[in-house]
């Protein structure tokens, strides 16, 4: 049985937007404004351009080779099995952590409404010293995870329909918030007062993109790539869905930031934008809504706080199943995880992700978030390198989308992807190292028990080890997320850009021979 190609352009776009718009939009405008003031609008624009440059290579190669779990499959064609294993394993770990993270986030948001499921700051203060889910809360979280699994198990058409409904609400809620703030007592003076439009200059604008979370807010576009194997007309729909997702979310984020800046009451400023704060557990939007007398918005914000994380985790649950199937096809997971159910779903891979997610509920919340961030960011670097390598290896392969000036765009996108990894911070990157080491250990044990039929291709992964070593060195010397601060701001990114460009050249040199790539692609498209 083969996967069912039933997702149209609208469904793919809604998957992308639904994955991007989690609950982060409730807090992102405040975090960005604290870093850059009104110039945070510029940060969102720059962030959108940067993420679009990373998405473009994926648009070309996923449209050319549309596969389920493509993040784990595409590197196999350009650099072989070992590189594919490292990237796929990292992404799988990241996807597996997202559903339990979002389940706990839902508990935190609804904690004040349902005392007894979450204790501590922001969630039901009647549970003594408990900070986090209570035993009852953990049971509710497991039920939330099982609901996500059930929807996915019904088939991709059910996932498509459920996500369309959820994403429609997720888009409408922030737009209603924007219209409400603008139509109430909107303070145009906020755009020029308190230090002017850009009170912290270029450093503030760049800081909002990196540590302010702007660039990470766009990261969910990858799920379109992982579900490309179930898209109708993927050569056309996958690139268009990626474009529409980035542009659509850019518009929503800019509108939210604009409404937030003008909606902040002048009385809330006690020391400029950096000291701005709102104590409401639903975030600054709820705080402003309360101040301006629009308390009726709180009901909508509660729905956004529940549907936002649920929708994102629902998509991640489905994507993780496809990644598990892809890893099984690559020979990393046992072959049984590549088998499809009667509904055309990799059900065993789906259940594997669910079990791992339930086990991860026992981890501290901050550890889950750190593991998620560290595991997912690595996948950004694959697209730019793979697209250039495949242009050389299979130049005659039909491509609905061909990036113009790819030999300029791809290296720049690779540098941007590397900066995103670096901006996640040293405390995230060393966890990434542990995750990669665990993946290598698992792969080594599997080779001991069950020899690999295909070549392992370690020699074609040389660039990856040089790359990881370079990122680690700059990260530990830099000033992001626990670094030593030896490299000052600006110089750290310049050094890292140079490291990335060198690794990009090594990566092209380490690509598979064209004949081997052509054979792998032919097998993927037409069967063995």
Protein backbone atom coordinates (compact mmCIF):
# COMPACT_ATOMS: atom_id res chain seq x y z
CA UNK A 1 0.00 0.00 0.00
CA UNK A 2 1.20 3.50 -0.87
CA UNK A 3 0.60 6.81 0.83
CA UNK A 4 -2.52 8.62 -0.38
CA UNK A 5 -1.90 11.87 -2.25
CA UNK A 6 -4.96 13.76 -1.03
CA UNK A 7 -3.69 17.09 0.34
CA UNK A 8 -4.32 20.06 -1.94
CA UNK A 9 -2.67 23.46 -2.04
CA UNK A 10 -5.04 24.89 0.56
CA UNK A 11 -4.47 21.97 2.90
CA UNK A 12 -0.68 22.20 2.59
CA UNK A 13 -0.77 25.95 3.22
CA UNK A 14 -3.00 25.50 6.26
CA UNK A 15 -0.60 22.83 7.55
CA UNK A 16 2.26 25.30 7.25
CA UNK A 17 0.38 28.20 8.84
CA UNK A 18 -1.06 25.96 11.54
CA UNK A 19 2.41 24.70 12.42
CA UNK A 20 3.89 28.21 12.53
CA UNK A 21 1.09 29.80 14.57
CA UNK A 22 1.30 27.98 17.88
CA UNK A 23 0.73 29.85 21.12
CA UNK A 24 3.91 31.86 20.62
CA UNK A 25 2.06 34.75 19.02
CA UNK A 26 0.56 35.53 22.44
CA UNK A 27 4.03 36.49 23.73
CA UNK A 28 6.16 37.23 20.63
CA UNK A 29 5.12 40.90 20.22
CA UNK A 30 6.24 41.75 23.76
CA UNK A 31 9.57 39.92 23.46
CA UNK A 32 10.34 41.61 20.14
CA UNK A 33 9.30 45.06 21.40
CA UNK A 34 11.48 44.72 24.50
CA UNK A 35 14.48 44.19 22.20
CA UNK A 36 13.79 46.71 19.42
CA UNK A 37 10.85 48.92 20.36
CA UNK A 38 8.68 49.94 17.37
CA UNK A 39 11.54 48.88 15.06
CA UNK A 40 10.51 45.30 15.87
CA UNK A 41 8.31 45.72 12.78
CA UNK A 42 11.55 45.81 10.78
CA UNK A 43 12.74 42.71 12.65
CA UNK A 44 9.68 40.76 11.51
CA UNK A 45 10.26 41.86 7.91
CA UNK A 46 13.93 40.85 7.99
CA UNK A 47 13.06 37.57 9.73
CA UNK A 48 10.50 36.78 7.04
CA UNK A 49 13.05 37.38 4.27
CA UNK A 50 15.67 35.23 6.03
CA UNK A 51 13.32 32.30 6.58
CA UNK A 52 12.06 32.59 2.99
CA UNK A 53 15.63 32.23 1.75
CA UNK A 54 15.95 29.02 3.77
CA UNK A 55 12.58 27.77 2.49
CA UNK A 56 13.45 28.34 -1.19
CA UNK A 57 15.96 25.46 -1.46
CA UNK A 58 13.45 23.14 0.20
CA UNK A 59 10.82 24.34 -2.26
CA UNK A 60 12.96 23.24 -5.20
CA UNK A 61 14.10 19.86 -3.89
CA UNK A 62 10.84 18.83 -2.14
CA UNK A 63 8.93 19.69 -5.31
CA UNK A 64 11.44 17.68 -7.35
CA UNK A 65 11.56 14.70 -4.96
CA UNK A 66 8.32 14.77 -2.91
CA UNK A 67 8.60 12.18 -0.16
CA UNK A 68 7.03 11.60 3.23
CA UNK A 69 9.48 12.56 5.94
CA UNK A 70 11.53 14.42 3.36
CA UNK A 71 13.80 16.06 5.95
CA UNK A 72 15.22 12.58 6.59
CA UNK A 73 15.17 11.41 2.96
CA UNK A 74 16.51 14.29 0.88
CA UNK A 75 20.06 14.32 2.35
CA UNK A 76 20.32 10.64 1.39
CA UNK A 77 20.28 11.51 -2.31
CA UNK A 78 22.98 14.15 -2.05
CA UNK A 79 25.24 12.87 0.77
CA UNK A 80 24.26 9.30 1.56
CA UNK A 81 22.88 7.29 4.44
CA UNK A 82 24.98 8.54 7.35
CA UNK A 83 24.23 12.24 6.80
CA UNK A 84 20.58 11.37 6.25
CA UNK A 85 20.53 9.42 9.51
CA UNK A 86 22.03 12.30 11.50
CA UNK A 87 19.64 14.92 10.14
CA UNK A 88 16.59 12.65 10.26
CA UNK A 89 17.28 11.44 13.80
CA UNK A 90 17.75 15.00 15.02
CA UNK A 91 14.50 16.16 13.42
CA UNK A 92 12.63 13.10 14.74
CA UNK A 93 13.76 13.86 18.29
CA UNK A 94 12.63 17.45 17.92
CA UNK A 95 9.23 16.51 16.53
CA UNK A 96 8.74 13.90 19.27
CA UNK A 97 9.20 16.53 21.98
CA UNK A 98 6.74 19.06 20.55
CA UNK A 99 3.43 17.29 21.37
CA UNK A 100 4.27 16.83 25.09
CA UNK A 101 5.53 20.44 25.25
CA UNK A 102 2.31 21.76 23.76
CA UNK A 103 0.17 19.47 25.93
CA UNK A 104 1.81 20.91 29.05
CA UNK A 105 1.40 24.44 27.62
CA UNK A 106 -2.34 23.82 27.23
CA UNK A 107 -2.54 22.71 30.87
CA UNK A 108 -0.75 25.87 31.97
CA UNK A 109 -3.10 28.14 30.03
CA UNK A 110 -6.29 26.49 31.27
CA UNK A 111 -4.95 25.88 34.80
CA UNK A 112 -6.79 28.87 36.33
CA UNK A 113 -10.06 27.60 34.82
CA UNK A 114 -9.56 24.00 35.95
CA UNK A 115 -7.86 24.02 39.36
CA UNK A 116 -6.09 20.79 40.13
CA UNK A 117 -4.33 20.15 36.82
CA UNK A 118 -1.47 22.67 36.97
CA UNK A 119 0.25 24.42 39.85
CA UNK A 120 2.57 27.37 40.21
CA UNK A 121 2.89 30.63 38.35
CA UNK A 122 0.13 31.05 35.82
CA UNK A 123 -1.85 27.98 36.65
CA UNK A 124 -4.08 27.36 39.63
CA UNK A 125 -2.55 28.52 42.85
CA UNK A 126 -4.37 26.00 45.03
CA UNK A 127 -1.89 23.15 44.59
CA UNK A 128 0.65 24.03 47.22
CA UNK A 129 4.25 24.01 46.09
CA UNK A 130 3.60 22.18 42.80
CA UNK A 131 4.95 24.02 39.75
CA UNK A 132 3.85 22.18 36.62
CA UNK A 133 1.25 19.50 35.92
CA UNK A 134 -0.21 17.58 38.83
CA UNK A 135 -0.82 13.80 38.57
CA UNK A 136 -4.30 14.63 37.26
CA UNK A 137 -2.70 17.09 34.85
CA UNK A 138 -0.36 14.43 33.53
CA UNK A 139 -3.34 12.17 32.89
CA UNK A 140 -5.05 14.97 30.97
CA UNK A 141 -1.83 15.56 28.98
CA UNK A 142 -1.73 11.87 28.01
CA UNK A 143 -5.35 12.12 26.84
CA UNK A 144 -4.43 15.16 24.73
CA UNK A 145 -1.59 13.21 23.12
CA UNK A 146 -3.87 10.24 22.44
CA UNK A 147 -6.42 12.54 20.79
CA UNK A 148 -3.71 13.82 18.45
CA UNK A 149 -2.75 10.22 17.64
CA UNK A 150 -6.38 9.24 17.03
CA UNK A 151 -6.98 12.07 14.54
CA UNK A 152 -3.79 11.19 12.67
CA UNK A 153 -4.59 7.47 12.71
CA UNK A 154 -7.86 8.08 10.85
CA UNK A 155 -5.91 9.10 7.77
CA UNK A 156 -4.33 12.12 6.17
CA UNK A 157 -7.72 13.37 4.95
CA UNK A 158 -8.91 13.60 8.57
CA UNK A 159 -5.73 15.41 9.54
CA UNK A 160 -6.25 17.81 6.64
CA UNK A 161 -9.86 18.59 7.61
CA UNK A 162 -9.23 18.87 11.34
CA UNK A 163 -6.25 21.13 10.80
CA UNK A 164 -8.20 23.35 8.39
CA UNK A 165 -10.85 24.01 11.05
CA UNK A 166 -8.31 24.59 13.82
CA UNK A 167 -6.09 26.83 11.69
CA UNK A 168 -9.05 28.94 10.58
CA UNK A 169 -9.74 29.76 14.23
CA UNK A 170 -6.02 30.27 14.89
CA UNK A 171 -5.88 32.88 12.12
CA UNK A 172 -9.15 34.61 13.00
CA UNK A 173 -8.34 35.10 16.70
CA UNK A 174 -5.18 37.21 16.21
CA UNK A 175 -6.86 39.20 13.43
CA UNK A 176 -9.79 40.02 15.73
CA UNK A 177 -7.28 41.04 18.41
CA UNK A 178 -5.56 43.34 15.91
CA UNK A 179 -8.82 45.00 14.83
CA UNK A 180 -9.92 45.44 18.44
CA UNK A 181 -6.68 47.11 19.54
CA UNK A 182 -6.58 49.44 16.53
CA UNK A 183 -10.23 50.45 16.88
CA UNK A 184 -9.90 51.22 20.61
CA UNK A 185 -7.64 53.85 22.15
CA UNK A 186 -4.71 53.41 19.74
CA UNK A 187 -1.61 55.36 20.77
CA UNK A 188 0.21 56.50 17.64
CA UNK A 189 2.66 58.38 19.84
CA UNK A 190 4.14 55.04 20.96
CA UNK A 191 5.86 54.75 17.57
CA UNK A 192 8.00 57.83 18.22
CA UNK A 193 8.09 58.25 22.02
CA UNK A 194 10.36 56.44 24.49
CA UNK A 195 13.52 56.78 22.41
CA UNK A 196 12.00 57.02 18.94
CA UNK A 197 11.15 54.39 16.35
CA UNK A 198 14.41 52.48 16.82
CA UNK A 199 15.46 53.22 20.42
CA UNK A 200 18.12 50.48 20.46
CA UNK A 201 19.33 50.86 16.89
CA UNK A 202 20.50 48.08 14.62
CA UNK A 203 21.64 45.94 17.55
CA UNK A 204 18.09 45.98 18.91
CA UNK A 205 16.61 45.02 15.55
CA UNK A 206 19.03 42.12 15.15
CA UNK A 207 18.54 41.14 18.78
CA UNK A 208 14.80 40.82 18.25
CA UNK A 209 15.45 38.51 15.29
CA UNK A 210 17.79 36.27 17.27
CA UNK A 211 17.16 36.30 21.03
CA UNK A 212 13.75 37.97 20.69
CA UNK A 213 12.45 34.85 18.98
CA UNK A 214 11.37 36.42 15.68
CA UNK A 215 13.23 33.96 13.45
CA UNK A 216 12.11 30.93 15.48
CA UNK A 217 8.46 32.00 15.16
CA UNK A 218 8.56 31.06 11.46
CA UNK A 219 10.16 27.64 11.93
CA UNK A 220 7.07 25.47 11.41
CA UNK A 221 7.19 25.70 7.61
CA UNK A 222 9.18 22.42 7.57
CA UNK A 223 6.06 20.32 8.09
CA UNK A 224 4.95 21.06 4.53
CA UNK A 225 8.11 19.31 3.35
CA UNK A 226 7.52 16.26 5.54
CA UNK A 227 3.98 15.80 4.18
CA UNK A 228 4.98 16.36 0.55
CA UNK A 229 4.61 12.64 -0.12
CA UNK A 230 0.84 12.96 0.41
CA UNK A 231 0.29 16.13 -1.61
CA UNK A 232 -1.49 16.34 -4.94
CA UNK A 233 0.69 17.87 -7.67
CA UNK A 234 3.57 18.24 -5.20
CA UNK A 235 5.95 19.75 -7.76
CA UNK A 236 3.71 22.82 -7.85
CA UNK A 237 1.80 22.76 -4.56
CA UNK A 238 4.76 22.27 -2.19
CA UNK A 239 6.68 25.38 -3.36
CA UNK A 240 3.51 27.48 -3.44
CA UNK A 241 2.45 26.32 0.04
CA UNK A 242 5.88 27.22 1.44
CA UNK A 243 5.65 30.69 -0.12
CA UNK A 244 2.07 31.30 1.04
CA UNK A 245 2.89 30.09 4.56
CA UNK A 246 5.85 32.41 5.05
CA UNK A 247 4.08 35.41 3.50
CA UNK A 248 0.81 34.76 5.34
CA UNK A 249 2.47 34.38 8.73
CA UNK A 250 4.62 37.44 8.04
CA UNK A 251 1.46 39.53 7.53
CA UNK A 252 -0.14 38.17 10.71
CA UNK A 253 2.98 38.75 12.84
CA UNK A 254 3.48 42.30 11.52
CA UNK A 255 -0.16 43.18 12.17
CA UNK A 256 0.08 41.76 15.70
CA UNK A 257 3.28 43.71 16.38
CA UNK A 258 1.76 46.91 14.99
CA UNK A 259 -1.39 46.50 17.10
CA UNK A 260 0.64 45.69 20.20
CA UNK A 261 2.92 48.73 19.88
CA UNK A 262 0.00 51.11 19.48
CA UNK A 263 -2.16 49.30 22.01
CA UNK A 264 0.23 49.62 24.96
CA UNK A 265 -1.17 52.25 27.35
CA UNK A 266 1.34 55.08 28.06
CA UNK A 267 0.97 54.33 31.77
CA UNK A 268 2.61 50.92 31.19
CA UNK A 269 5.98 52.48 30.38
CA UNK A 270 8.22 52.76 33.44
CA UNK A 271 11.65 52.79 31.84
CA UNK A 272 11.33 52.37 28.11
CA UNK A 273 10.53 49.31 26.05
CA UNK A 274 12.99 46.99 27.80
CA UNK A 275 11.11 47.22 31.10
CA UNK A 276 7.68 46.73 29.56
CA UNK A 277 5.84 43.83 31.15
CA UNK A 278 2.35 42.34 31.57
CA UNK A 279 1.61 39.81 34.26
CA UNK A 280 -1.42 38.08 32.73
CA UNK A 281 -0.79 34.35 32.30
CA UNK A 282 -2.19 34.49 28.75
CA UNK A 283 0.46 37.02 27.81
CA UNK A 284 0.67 40.70 26.95
CA UNK A 285 -2.27 40.68 24.54
CA UNK A 286 -4.57 39.61 27.36
CA UNK A 287 -3.00 42.23 29.62
CA UNK A 288 -3.72 45.02 27.13
CA UNK A 289 -7.24 43.70 26.49
CA UNK A 290 -7.96 43.92 30.22
CA UNK A 291 -6.55 47.46 30.50
CA UNK A 292 -8.54 48.84 27.54
CA UNK A 293 -11.78 47.30 28.80
CA UNK A 294 -12.05 44.60 26.13
CA UNK A 295 -12.28 41.73 28.59
CA UNK A 296 -14.54 39.88 26.18
CA UNK A 297 -11.38 39.19 24.17
CA UNK A 298 -10.14 36.89 26.93
CA UNK A 299 -12.50 34.13 25.82
CA UNK A 300 -11.04 34.32 22.31
CA UNK A 301 -7.51 34.40 23.69
CA UNK A 302 -8.25 31.29 25.75
CA UNK A 303 -9.40 29.52 22.59
CA UNK A 304 -6.21 30.66 20.85
CA UNK A 305 -4.12 29.50 23.82
CA UNK A 306 -5.63 26.00 23.55
CA UNK A 307 -6.05 25.57 19.79
CA UNK A 308 -2.68 27.17 19.02
CA UNK A 309 -0.51 24.55 20.72
CA UNK A 310 -2.96 21.73 19.99
CA UNK A 311 -2.96 22.44 16.25
CA UNK A 312 0.82 22.72 16.06
CA UNK A 313 1.28 19.50 18.02
CA UNK A 314 -1.33 17.71 15.89
CA UNK A 315 0.70 18.49 12.77
CA UNK A 316 3.99 17.60 14.49
CA UNK A 317 2.48 14.23 15.49
CA UNK A 318 1.70 13.47 11.85
CA UNK A 319 5.07 14.74 10.62
CA UNK A 320 6.91 12.68 13.19
CA UNK A 321 5.18 9.52 11.98
CA UNK A 322 6.38 10.28 8.44
CA UNK A 323 9.88 10.93 9.72
CA UNK A 324 9.82 7.61 11.57
CA UNK A 325 8.76 5.89 8.36
CA UNK A 326 11.53 7.66 6.43
CA UNK A 327 14.14 6.61 9.00
CA UNK A 328 12.92 3.03 8.68
CA UNK A 329 13.24 3.23 4.89
CA UNK A 330 16.76 4.58 5.38
CA UNK A 331 17.62 1.55 7.51
CA UNK A 332 17.98 3.40 10.82
CA UNK A 333 14.70 2.31 12.46
CA UNK A 334 13.44 -1.29 12.13
CA UNK A 335 11.61 -1.93 8.85
CA UNK A 336 8.28 -2.50 10.60
CA UNK A 337 7.97 1.26 11.21
CA UNK A 338 7.78 1.84 7.45
CA UNK A 339 4.62 -0.25 7.05
CA UNK A 340 1.31 1.48 6.38
CA UNK A 341 -2.08 0.81 7.93
CA UNK A 342 -5.25 0.15 5.95
CA UNK A 343 -5.86 3.92 6.02
CA UNK A 344 -2.48 4.61 4.44
CA UNK A 345 -0.83 5.84 7.64
CA UNK A 346 2.52 4.71 9.12
CA UNK A 347 0.64 3.66 12.25
CA UNK A 348 3.52 1.91 14.00
CA UNK A 349 5.74 4.94 13.53
CA UNK A 350 2.85 7.07 14.80
CA UNK A 351 2.57 4.97 17.97
CA UNK A 352 6.34 5.02 18.49
CA UNK A 353 6.28 8.81 18.54
CA UNK A 354 3.30 8.78 20.91
CA UNK A 355 5.01 6.46 23.40
CA UNK A 356 8.19 8.55 23.34
CA UNK A 357 6.09 11.69 23.82
CA UNK A 358 4.36 10.22 26.87
CA UNK A 359 7.71 9.26 28.37
CA UNK A 360 9.00 12.78 27.77
CA UNK A 361 6.17 14.19 29.87
CA UNK A 362 8.22 13.10 32.87
CA UNK A 363 11.03 15.52 31.93
CA UNK A 364 11.13 19.06 33.36
CA UNK A 365 9.39 21.46 30.98
CA UNK A 366 12.52 23.56 30.34
CA UNK A 367 14.48 20.43 29.47
CA UNK A 368 11.83 19.40 26.95
CA UNK A 369 11.92 22.85 25.34
CA UNK A 370 15.72 22.86 25.19
CA UNK A 371 15.76 19.38 23.62
CA UNK A 372 13.12 20.42 21.10
CA UNK A 373 15.00 23.55 20.07
CA UNK A 374 18.36 21.82 19.80
CA UNK A 375 17.05 18.88 17.79
CA UNK A 376 14.98 20.83 15.27
CA UNK A 377 17.28 23.72 14.36
CA UNK A 378 19.86 21.43 12.74
CA UNK A 379 17.52 20.52 9.87
CA UNK A 380 17.69 24.08 8.52
CA UNK A 381 21.20 23.56 7.13
CA UNK A 382 20.26 20.65 4.85
CA UNK A 383 18.25 22.39 2.15
CA UNK A 384 20.80 24.94 0.88
CA UNK A 385 23.60 22.36 0.58
CA UNK A 386 21.43 19.64 -0.92
CA UNK A 387 19.88 21.86 -3.59
CA UNK A 388 23.28 22.79 -5.07
CA UNK A 389 24.61 19.23 -4.80
CA UNK A 390 21.56 17.83 -6.60
CA UNK A 391 21.88 20.45 -9.35
CA UNK A 392 25.29 18.91 -10.06
CA UNK A 393 24.32 15.28 -9.51
CA UNK A 394 20.98 15.13 -11.38
CA UNK A 395 20.95 18.27 -13.57
CA UNK A 396 18.31 16.88 -15.96
CA UNK A 397 15.79 15.92 -13.29
CA UNK A 398 12.55 17.88 -13.93
CA UNK A 399 12.07 20.75 -11.49
CA UNK A 400 8.89 22.82 -11.35
CA UNK A 401 10.81 25.46 -9.40
CA UNK A 402 14.40 26.42 -10.08
CA UNK A 403 15.97 28.97 -7.75
CA UNK A 404 17.62 31.74 -9.76
CA UNK A 405 21.26 32.44 -8.91
CA UNK A 406 21.28 29.28 -6.79
CA UNK A 407 25.07 29.40 -6.36
CA UNK A 408 24.62 32.73 -4.57
CA UNK A 409 21.30 32.15 -2.82
CA UNK A 410 22.18 28.72 -1.40
CA UNK A 411 25.44 29.70 0.36
CA UNK A 412 23.73 32.76 1.84
CA UNK A 413 20.83 30.57 3.00
CA UNK A 414 23.35 28.13 4.51
CA UNK A 415 24.93 30.98 6.48
CA UNK A 416 21.49 32.11 7.66
CA UNK A 417 20.61 28.57 8.73
CA UNK A 418 23.90 28.34 10.63
CA UNK A 419 23.20 31.64 12.38
CA UNK A 420 19.79 30.34 13.47
CA UNK A 421 21.48 27.30 15.00
CA UNK A 422 23.97 29.60 16.74
CA UNK A 423 21.25 31.95 17.99
CA UNK A 424 19.60 29.04 19.76
CA UNK A 425 22.49 29.35 22.24
CA UNK A 426 25.26 27.21 23.69
CA UNK A 427 22.90 25.68 26.26
CA UNK A 428 20.86 24.36 23.35
CA UNK A 429 23.78 23.33 21.13
CA UNK A 430 25.49 21.10 23.71
CA UNK A 431 22.20 19.26 24.07
CA UNK A 432 22.18 18.87 20.30
CA UNK A 433 25.62 17.25 20.58
CA UNK A 434 24.28 14.72 23.08
CA UNK A 435 21.32 13.95 20.82
CA UNK A 436 23.60 13.40 17.83
CA UNK A 437 25.94 11.20 19.89
CA UNK A 438 22.95 9.11 20.97
CA UNK A 439 21.87 8.72 17.34
CA UNK A 440 25.36 7.62 16.28
CA UNK A 441 25.47 5.12 19.16
CA UNK A 442 22.09 3.66 18.18
CA UNK A 443 23.20 3.41 14.56
CA UNK A 444 26.44 1.68 15.58
CA UNK A 445 24.54 -0.86 17.68
CA UNK A 446 22.14 -1.52 14.82
CA UNK A 447 25.05 -2.15 12.46
CA UNK A 448 26.47 -4.62 14.97
CA UNK A 449 23.21 -6.55 15.21
CA UNK A 450 22.06 -6.14 11.61
CA UNK A 451 24.74 -5.28 9.01
CA UNK A 452 23.76 -2.49 6.63
CA UNK A 453 22.92 -3.74 3.13
CA UNK A 454 23.65 -0.35 1.54
CA UNK A 455 26.86 1.67 2.04
CA UNK A 456 27.00 3.62 5.30
CA UNK A 457 28.58 6.63 3.53
CA UNK A 458 30.49 7.98 6.54
CA UNK A 459 33.09 9.46 4.19
CA UNK A 460 30.43 11.64 2.59
CA UNK A 461 29.53 13.07 6.03
CA UNK A 462 32.98 14.55 6.66
CA UNK A 463 31.63 18.05 6.10
CA UNK A 464 29.01 17.51 8.82
CA UNK A 465 31.54 16.78 11.56
CA UNK A 466 33.65 19.79 10.56
CA UNK A 467 30.47 21.87 10.55
CA UNK A 468 29.31 20.75 13.99
CA UNK A 469 32.79 21.31 15.42
CA UNK A 470 32.87 24.84 14.00
CA UNK A 471 29.41 25.72 15.29
CA UNK A 472 30.34 24.37 18.73
CA UNK A 473 33.57 26.36 18.86
CA UNK A 474 31.95 29.67 17.94
CA UNK A 475 28.97 28.97 20.20
CA UNK A 476 31.04 28.30 23.31
CA UNK A 477 33.12 31.43 22.62
CA UNK A 478 30.12 33.57 21.71
CA UNK A 479 27.55 35.33 23.84
CA UNK A 480 24.31 33.48 23.08
CA UNK A 481 22.66 31.16 25.59
CA UNK A 482 25.49 30.49 28.03
CA UNK A 483 28.55 31.13 25.85
CA UNK A 484 31.73 32.54 27.39
CA UNK A 485 31.37 35.89 25.64
CA UNK A 486 34.94 35.90 24.30
CA UNK A 487 33.73 36.78 20.79
CA UNK A 488 31.86 40.12 20.90
CA UNK A 489 28.49 40.65 19.22
CA UNK A 490 28.97 41.06 15.49
CA UNK A 491 32.40 39.45 15.33
CA UNK A 492 30.93 36.14 16.47
CA UNK A 493 28.50 36.10 13.56
CA UNK A 494 31.19 37.17 11.09
CA UNK A 495 33.44 34.31 12.21
CA UNK A 496 30.55 31.86 12.05
CA UNK A 497 29.61 33.01 8.54
CA UNK A 498 33.18 32.30 7.41
CA UNK A 499 33.06 28.86 9.05
CA UNK A 500 29.73 28.13 7.34
CA UNK A 501 31.01 29.09 3.89
CA UNK A 502 34.07 26.87 4.29
CA UNK A 503 31.87 23.95 5.40
CA UNK A 504 29.55 24.60 2.46
CA UNK A 505 32.45 24.12 0.06
CA UNK A 506 33.55 20.96 1.89
CA UNK A 507 29.97 19.71 1.77
CA UNK A 508 29.82 20.08 -2.00
CA UNK A 509 33.11 18.22 -2.33
CA UNK A 510 31.77 15.42 -0.10
CA UNK A 511 28.60 14.85 -2.15
CA UNK A 512 27.85 11.40 -3.57
CA UNK A 513 28.99 10.52 -7.10
CA UNK A 514 26.40 11.56 -9.67
CA UNK A 515 25.81 7.95 -10.78
CA UNK A 516 24.97 6.83 -7.24
CA UNK A 517 22.57 9.74 -6.74
CA UNK A 518 20.86 9.02 -10.06
CA UNK A 519 20.34 5.39 -9.02
CA UNK A 520 18.90 6.38 -5.62
CA UNK A 521 16.55 8.92 -7.19
CA UNK A 522 15.40 6.46 -9.86
CA UNK A 523 14.69 3.86 -7.18
CA UNK A 524 12.71 6.40 -5.12
CA UNK A 525 10.61 7.56 -8.08
CA UNK A 526 10.08 4.25 -9.87
CA UNK A 527 10.80 1.54 -7.31
CA UNK A 528 13.70 -0.96 -7.11
